[in-house]
Amino acid sequence: MDLPLTLADFERAAAETLQPGPLGYYAGARLGFALTLAPTPISILWPPNAILLASLLLTPVRSWAVVFAAAFCCSITFHRSSE
């Protein structure tokens, strides 16, 4: 039976997960917005979804909260900078 996560476990999971994930997610978002059609902000391809899926498949379930938090922060940051 797994014990609840301690703060040290959470910090370790965050450090392992956050290294390549947000940078790749941000780069994918830049690429996705570069592929938008001129009059509408609709992208033909959205690479961050593939990066998020790969991050979820490669990390244990108990650290998915960290992955989702990183993706959320990157999305908010990029959305605010694109306005």
Protein backbone atom coordinates (compact mmCIF):
# COMPACT_ATOMS: atom_id res chain seq x y z
CA MET A 1 0.00 0.00 0.00
CA ASP A 2 1.35 3.40 -0.98
CA LEU A 3 1.73 5.97 1.74
CA PRO A 4 0.54 9.52 1.09
CA LEU A 5 3.03 11.81 -0.53
CA THR A 6 5.21 13.80 1.79
CA LEU A 7 6.52 17.23 0.92
CA ALA A 8 9.93 15.74 0.05
CA ASP A 9 8.29 13.24 -2.35
CA PHE A 10 6.32 16.04 -3.97
CA GLU A 11 9.43 18.20 -4.38
CA ARG A 12 11.36 15.29 -5.88
CA ALA A 13 8.53 14.52 -8.32
CA ALA A 14 8.29 18.18 -9.24
CA ALA A 15 12.03 18.41 -9.88
CA GLU A 16 12.00 15.27 -12.06
CA THR A 17 8.90 16.26 -13.98
CA LEU A 18 9.40 19.97 -14.49
CA GLN A 19 12.78 19.89 -16.16
CA PRO A 20 11.93 19.15 -19.83
CA GLY A 21 8.13 19.39 -19.69
CA PRO A 22 7.32 23.10 -19.49
CA LEU A 23 10.05 24.11 -21.92
CA GLY A 24 8.81 21.59 -24.47
CA TYR A 25 5.21 22.58 -23.79
CA TYR A 26 6.04 26.26 -24.28
CA ALA A 27 8.01 25.55 -27.47
CA GLY A 28 5.10 23.45 -28.74
CA ALA A 29 2.68 26.27 -27.99
CA ARG A 30 4.87 28.70 -29.91
CA LEU A 31 4.89 26.28 -32.84
CA GLY A 32 1.13 25.79 -32.59
CA PHE A 33 0.48 29.52 -32.66
CA ALA A 34 2.89 29.90 -35.58
CA LEU A 35 0.69 27.48 -37.55
CA THR A 36 -2.52 29.45 -37.03
CA LEU A 37 -4.52 30.67 -39.95
CA ALA A 38 -4.31 34.44 -40.42
CA PRO A 39 -7.84 35.74 -39.70
CA THR A 40 -8.72 33.28 -36.93
CA PRO A 41 -6.72 32.11 -33.91
CA ILE A 42 -7.33 28.42 -34.75
CA SER A 43 -4.26 26.23 -35.01
CA ILE A 44 -4.05 23.34 -37.44
CA LEU A 45 -1.70 21.47 -35.13
CA TRP A 46 -1.37 21.69 -31.34
CA PRO A 47 1.91 19.98 -30.24
CA PRO A 48 1.54 20.73 -26.50
CA ASN A 49 -1.17 18.06 -26.27
CA ALA A 50 1.29 15.42 -27.46
CA ILE A 51 3.91 16.69 -25.02
CA LEU A 52 1.39 16.58 -22.17
CA LEU A 53 0.34 13.04 -23.10
CA ALA A 54 3.97 11.89 -23.26
CA SER A 55 4.64 13.47 -19.86
CA LEU A 56 1.64 11.68 -18.37
CA LEU A 57 2.69 8.35 -19.86
CA LEU A 58 6.26 8.68 -18.61
CA THR A 59 5.55 9.79 -15.06
CA PRO A 60 3.92 7.84 -12.23
CA VAL A 61 0.26 8.56 -11.54
CA ARG A 62 1.03 10.10 -8.16
CA SER A 63 2.96 12.94 -9.82
CA TRP A 64 0.34 13.78 -12.46
CA ALA A 65 -0.76 16.77 -10.40
CA VAL A 66 2.68 18.30 -10.93
CA VAL A 67 2.45 17.68 -14.70
CA PHE A 68 -0.99 19.27 -14.89
CA ALA A 69 0.13 22.23 -12.76
CA ALA A 70 3.12 22.83 -15.04
CA ALA A 71 0.96 22.62 -18.17
CA PHE A 72 -1.59 24.97 -16.65
CA CYS A 73 1.07 27.53 -15.72
CA CYS A 74 2.61 27.38 -19.20
CA SER A 75 -0.80 27.73 -20.84
CA ILE A 76 -1.74 30.74 -18.72
CA THR A 77 1.65 32.37 -19.31
CA PHE A 78 1.47 31.87 -23.05
CA HIS A 79 -2.16 32.94 -23.27
CA ARG A 80 -1.41 36.18 -21.44
CA SER A 81 1.62 36.92 -23.61
CA SER A 82 -0.35 36.31 -26.83
CA GLU A 83 -3.08 38.88 -26.07
